[in-house]
Amino acid sequence: MVTAELKALREKLVINEFRKYQSDGLDAEGAYLKSKQLGLDFGQRMRMLTQVYGLSLAEYKVLAVRLDTSLTINEYQEQLLPDLEEAMKQAHNDHETRRD
């Protein structure tokens, strides 16, 4: 089991490694792709890009969606609408059923 200390040390090493990449000219897009290649998880990628490249969470989301899906953030969110509408209908129906 990995202790919190080891996790913190690993994250510090990752941040330092990506600072080197940044100083070598790697942009945020390249860093995101490199971080996926290295197997960093969602949280690690997000922390690295916000800390090293100064991205806001919204900027990170736009970048991640574009690189993971080849869609703009608007296109991606539009794809979610049918599922959200269905979930809302289901929640409403469940609520109505419980009231009866």
N, C-alpha and C. Protein backbone atom coordinates (compact mmCIF):
# COMPACT_ATOMS: atom_id res chain seq x y z
N MET A 1 0.83 -1.18 0.00
CA MET A 1 0.00 0.00 0.00
C MET A 1 0.88 1.25 0.00
N VAL A 2 0.53 2.20 -0.83
CA VAL A 2 1.33 3.42 -0.96
C VAL A 2 0.88 4.41 0.12
N THR A 3 1.85 4.88 0.87
CA THR A 3 1.53 5.84 1.93
C THR A 3 1.32 7.23 1.34
N ALA A 4 0.72 8.09 2.14
CA ALA A 4 0.50 9.47 1.72
C ALA A 4 1.83 10.17 1.44
N GLU A 5 2.84 9.83 2.24
CA GLU A 5 4.17 10.43 2.04
C GLU A 5 4.75 10.07 0.68
N LEU A 6 4.62 8.80 0.31
CA LEU A 6 5.14 8.36 -0.99
C LEU A 6 4.37 8.99 -2.14
N LYS A 7 3.05 9.11 -1.97
CA LYS A 7 2.24 9.77 -3.01
C LYS A 7 2.67 11.22 -3.19
N ALA A 8 2.87 11.91 -2.07
CA ALA A 8 3.29 13.32 -2.14
C ALA A 8 4.66 13.44 -2.79
N LEU A 9 5.57 12.53 -2.47
CA LEU A 9 6.91 12.56 -3.08
C LEU A 9 6.83 12.29 -4.58
N ARG A 10 6.01 11.31 -4.97
CA ARG A 10 5.86 11.01 -6.39
C ARG A 10 5.29 12.22 -7.13
N GLU A 11 4.29 12.86 -6.53
CA GLU A 11 3.70 14.02 -7.18
C GLU A 11 4.71 15.16 -7.32
N LYS A 12 5.53 15.34 -6.30
CA LYS A 12 6.57 16.38 -6.36
C LYS A 12 7.55 16.08 -7.49
N LEU A 13 7.92 14.81 -7.64
CA LEU A 13 8.83 14.42 -8.72
C LEU A 13 8.20 14.66 -10.09
N VAL A 14 6.93 14.34 -10.20
CA VAL A 14 6.21 14.57 -11.46
C VAL A 14 6.19 16.06 -11.79
N ILE A 15 5.85 16.88 -10.81
CA ILE A 15 5.81 18.34 -11.02
C ILE A 15 7.19 18.83 -11.48
N ASN A 16 8.23 18.39 -10.81
CA ASN A 16 9.59 18.81 -11.18
C ASN A 16 9.96 18.36 -12.59
N GLU A 17 9.57 17.13 -12.94
CA GLU A 17 9.84 16.62 -14.28
C GLU A 17 9.14 17.47 -15.34
N PHE A 18 7.90 17.84 -15.09
CA PHE A 18 7.17 18.62 -16.07
C PHE A 18 7.64 20.08 -16.10
N ARG A 19 8.19 20.57 -15.01
CA ARG A 19 8.81 21.91 -15.06
C ARG A 19 10.01 21.88 -16.01
N LYS A 20 10.74 20.77 -16.00
CA LYS A 20 11.86 20.63 -16.94
C LYS A 20 11.33 20.60 -18.38
N TYR A 21 10.28 19.84 -18.61
CA TYR A 21 9.70 19.80 -19.95
C TYR A 21 9.26 21.19 -20.39
N GLN A 22 8.65 21.92 -19.47
CA GLN A 22 8.18 23.27 -19.80
C GLN A 22 9.36 24.17 -20.16
N SER A 23 10.43 24.09 -19.37
CA SER A 23 11.60 24.93 -19.66
C SER A 23 12.27 24.53 -20.97
N ASP A 24 12.06 23.28 -21.39
CA ASP A 24 12.57 22.82 -22.68
C ASP A 24 11.64 23.18 -23.83
N GLY A 25 10.53 23.86 -23.53
CA GLY A 25 9.64 24.35 -24.57
C GLY A 25 8.36 23.54 -24.78
N LEU A 26 8.12 22.51 -23.97
CA LEU A 26 6.90 21.73 -24.12
C LEU A 26 5.70 22.55 -23.65
N ASP A 27 4.70 22.70 -24.52
CA ASP A 27 3.52 23.48 -24.16
C ASP A 27 2.53 22.62 -23.37
N ALA A 28 1.45 23.25 -22.90
CA ALA A 28 0.47 22.55 -22.07
C ALA A 28 -0.16 21.36 -22.81
N GLU A 29 -0.42 21.53 -24.10
CA GLU A 29 -1.00 20.44 -24.89
C GLU A 29 -0.04 19.24 -24.93
N GLY A 30 1.22 19.51 -25.21
CA GLY A 30 2.21 18.45 -25.25
C GLY A 30 2.39 17.80 -23.88
N ALA A 31 2.33 18.60 -22.83
CA ALA A 31 2.47 18.08 -21.47
C ALA A 31 1.29 17.17 -21.12
N TYR A 32 0.09 17.55 -21.56
CA TYR A 32 -1.09 16.71 -21.30
C TYR A 32 -0.90 15.35 -21.98
N LEU A 33 -0.50 15.37 -23.23
CA LEU A 33 -0.31 14.12 -23.97
C LEU A 33 0.81 13.28 -23.34
N LYS A 34 1.88 13.93 -22.93
CA LYS A 34 3.00 13.23 -22.29
C LYS A 34 2.54 12.62 -20.97
N SER A 35 1.73 13.35 -20.21
CA SER A 35 1.27 12.85 -18.92
C SER A 35 0.38 11.62 -19.09
N LYS A 36 -0.42 11.60 -20.16
CA LYS A 36 -1.25 10.41 -20.43
C LYS A 36 -0.36 9.24 -20.82
N GLN A 37 0.65 9.53 -21.63
CA GLN A 37 1.58 8.49 -22.07
C GLN A 37 2.30 7.88 -20.86
N LEU A 38 2.60 8.69 -19.87
CA LEU A 38 3.29 8.22 -18.67
C LEU A 38 2.35 7.54 -17.67
N GLY A 39 1.05 7.58 -17.96
CA GLY A 39 0.09 6.89 -17.10
C GLY A 39 -0.40 7.68 -15.91
N LEU A 40 -0.23 9.00 -15.94
CA LEU A 40 -0.76 9.80 -14.83
C LEU A 40 -2.28 9.74 -14.85
N ASP A 41 -2.89 9.70 -13.68
CA ASP A 41 -4.34 9.66 -13.62
C ASP A 41 -4.92 11.07 -13.78
N PHE A 42 -6.23 11.14 -13.83
CA PHE A 42 -6.91 12.42 -14.07
C PHE A 42 -6.46 13.49 -13.08
N GLY A 43 -6.45 13.16 -11.80
CA GLY A 43 -6.08 14.14 -10.79
C GLY A 43 -4.65 14.59 -10.91
N GLN A 44 -3.76 13.66 -11.18
CA GLN A 44 -2.35 14.01 -11.35
C GLN A 44 -2.14 14.92 -12.55
N ARG A 45 -2.82 14.60 -13.66
CA ARG A 45 -2.71 15.46 -14.86
C ARG A 45 -3.24 16.86 -14.55
N MET A 46 -4.37 16.92 -13.88
CA MET A 46 -4.98 18.22 -13.58
C MET A 46 -4.06 19.05 -12.68
N ARG A 47 -3.54 18.44 -11.62
CA ARG A 47 -2.67 19.18 -10.71
C ARG A 47 -1.40 19.64 -11.42
N MET A 48 -0.82 18.77 -12.24
CA MET A 48 0.41 19.12 -12.95
C MET A 48 0.17 20.31 -13.87
N LEU A 49 -0.89 20.26 -14.65
CA LEU A 49 -1.14 21.34 -15.62
C LEU A 49 -1.55 22.64 -14.94
N THR A 50 -2.27 22.55 -13.84
CA THR A 50 -2.64 23.80 -13.16
C THR A 50 -1.44 24.38 -12.42
N GLN A 51 -0.59 23.53 -11.86
CA GLN A 51 0.56 24.04 -11.12
C GLN A 51 1.71 24.47 -12.03
N VAL A 52 2.05 23.64 -13.00
CA VAL A 52 3.22 23.93 -13.83
C VAL A 52 2.88 24.94 -14.93
N TYR A 53 1.74 24.76 -15.57
CA TYR A 53 1.39 25.60 -16.71
C TYR A 53 0.41 26.72 -16.35
N GLY A 54 -0.06 26.76 -15.12
CA GLY A 54 -0.92 27.83 -14.67
C GLY A 54 -2.32 27.81 -15.27
N LEU A 55 -2.76 26.65 -15.75
CA LEU A 55 -4.10 26.57 -16.31
C LEU A 55 -5.14 26.65 -15.19
N SER A 56 -6.24 27.31 -15.47
CA SER A 56 -7.38 27.25 -14.55
C SER A 56 -8.05 25.90 -14.75
N LEU A 57 -8.95 25.55 -13.85
CA LEU A 57 -9.67 24.28 -14.01
C LEU A 57 -10.51 24.28 -15.28
N ALA A 58 -11.09 25.43 -15.61
CA ALA A 58 -11.89 25.53 -16.85
C ALA A 58 -10.99 25.35 -18.07
N GLU A 59 -9.82 25.97 -18.07
CA GLU A 59 -8.89 25.82 -19.19
C GLU A 59 -8.42 24.36 -19.30
N TYR A 60 -8.18 23.73 -18.16
CA TYR A 60 -7.78 22.33 -18.17
C TYR A 60 -8.88 21.48 -18.80
N LYS A 61 -10.12 21.72 -18.41
CA LYS A 61 -11.24 20.93 -18.93
C LYS A 61 -11.35 21.07 -20.45
N VAL A 62 -11.23 22.30 -20.94
CA VAL A 62 -11.30 22.54 -22.39
C VAL A 62 -10.19 21.78 -23.10
N LEU A 63 -8.98 21.86 -22.58
CA LEU A 63 -7.83 21.18 -23.18
C LEU A 63 -8.03 19.67 -23.15
N ALA A 64 -8.41 19.13 -22.01
CA ALA A 64 -8.57 17.68 -21.87
C ALA A 64 -9.67 17.15 -22.79
N VAL A 65 -10.79 17.84 -22.85
CA VAL A 65 -11.88 17.40 -23.72
C VAL A 65 -11.44 17.42 -25.18
N ARG A 66 -10.77 18.49 -25.59
CA ARG A 66 -10.34 18.60 -26.98
C ARG A 66 -9.35 17.49 -27.35
N LEU A 67 -8.40 17.23 -26.47
CA LEU A 67 -7.38 16.23 -26.78
C LEU A 67 -7.89 14.79 -26.63
N ASP A 68 -8.83 14.58 -25.73
CA ASP A 68 -9.36 13.23 -25.52
C ASP A 68 -10.46 12.86 -26.52
N THR A 69 -11.19 13.86 -27.01
CA THR A 69 -12.35 13.55 -27.85
C THR A 69 -12.29 14.17 -29.24
N SER A 70 -11.38 15.08 -29.47
CA SER A 70 -11.30 15.85 -30.72
C SER A 70 -12.53 16.74 -30.93
N LEU A 71 -13.23 17.04 -29.85
CA LEU A 71 -14.40 17.92 -29.90
C LEU A 71 -14.09 19.21 -29.15
N THR A 72 -14.82 20.26 -29.52
CA THR A 72 -14.75 21.47 -28.71
C THR A 72 -15.54 21.22 -27.43
N ILE A 73 -15.36 22.05 -26.44
CA ILE A 73 -16.10 21.89 -25.20
C ILE A 73 -17.60 22.01 -25.44
N ASN A 74 -18.01 22.91 -26.34
CA ASN A 74 -19.44 23.06 -26.65
C ASN A 74 -20.00 21.82 -27.32
N GLU A 75 -19.25 21.25 -28.27
CA GLU A 75 -19.70 20.03 -28.94
C GLU A 75 -19.83 18.88 -27.93
N TYR A 76 -18.86 18.80 -27.04
CA TYR A 76 -18.87 17.74 -26.04
C TYR A 76 -20.08 17.88 -25.11
N GLN A 77 -20.32 19.09 -24.65
CA GLN A 77 -21.43 19.32 -23.73
C GLN A 77 -22.78 19.10 -24.43
N GLU A 78 -22.86 19.44 -25.71
CA GLU A 78 -24.09 19.18 -26.46
C GLU A 78 -24.38 17.69 -26.54
N GLN A 79 -23.33 16.88 -26.63
CA GLN A 79 -23.51 15.43 -26.67
C GLN A 79 -24.07 14.90 -25.35
N LEU A 80 -23.82 15.60 -24.28
CA LEU A 80 -24.29 15.17 -22.97
C LEU A 80 -25.77 15.47 -22.75
N LEU A 81 -26.32 16.42 -23.51
CA LEU A 81 -27.70 16.85 -23.28
C LEU A 81 -28.72 15.72 -23.32
N PRO A 82 -28.74 14.86 -24.32
CA PRO A 82 -29.75 13.80 -24.33
C PRO A 82 -29.70 12.93 -23.07
N ASP A 83 -28.51 12.58 -22.63
CA ASP A 83 -28.39 11.75 -21.42
C ASP A 83 -28.86 12.51 -20.19
N LEU A 84 -28.54 13.80 -20.11
CA LEU A 84 -28.99 14.61 -18.98
C LEU A 84 -30.51 14.75 -18.97
N GLU A 85 -31.08 14.97 -20.15
CA GLU A 85 -32.53 15.09 -20.24
C GLU A 85 -33.20 13.78 -19.82
N GLU A 86 -32.65 12.66 -20.25
CA GLU A 86 -33.20 11.35 -19.88
C GLU A 86 -33.09 11.13 -18.37
N ALA A 87 -31.97 11.49 -17.81
CA ALA A 87 -31.78 11.33 -16.37
C ALA A 87 -32.76 12.20 -15.59
N MET A 88 -33.00 13.41 -16.08
CA MET A 88 -33.96 14.30 -15.41
C MET A 88 -35.37 13.73 -15.50
N LYS A 89 -35.75 13.19 -16.66
CA LYS A 89 -37.07 12.56 -16.81
C LYS A 89 -37.21 11.39 -15.85
N GLN A 90 -36.17 10.57 -15.78
CA GLN A 90 -36.20 9.41 -14.90
C GLN A 90 -36.32 9.84 -13.44
N ALA A 91 -35.57 10.85 -13.05
CA ALA A 91 -35.65 11.35 -11.68
C ALA A 91 -37.04 11.88 -11.37
N HIS A 92 -37.63 12.59 -12.32
CA HIS A 92 -38.99 13.11 -12.15
C HIS A 92 -39.98 11.96 -12.00
N ASN A 93 -39.86 10.94 -12.88
CA ASN A 93 -40.75 9.79 -12.82
C ASN A 93 -40.59 9.04 -11.49
N ASP A 94 -39.34 8.88 -11.02
CA ASP A 94 -39.11 8.22 -9.75
C ASP A 94 -39.74 9.00 -8.62
N HIS A 95 -39.63 10.31 -8.67
CA HIS A 95 -40.21 11.17 -7.64
C HIS A 95 -41.73 11.05 -7.64
N GLU A 96 -42.32 11.06 -8.82
CA GLU A 96 -43.78 10.94 -8.94
C GLU A 96 -44.25 9.58 -8.45
N THR A 97 -43.49 8.54 -8.75
CA THR A 97 -43.86 7.19 -8.30
C THR A 97 -43.85 7.09 -6.78
N ARG A 98 -42.85 7.71 -6.14
CA ARG A 98 -42.75 7.68 -4.69
C ARG A 98 -43.87 8.48 -4.03
N ARG A 99 -44.33 9.53 -4.71
CA ARG A 99 -45.41 10.36 -4.15
C ARG A 99 -46.73 9.61 -4.13
N ASP A 100 -46.91 8.70 -5.08
CA ASP A 100 -48.19 7.98 -5.20
C ASP A 100 -48.37 6.95 -4.15
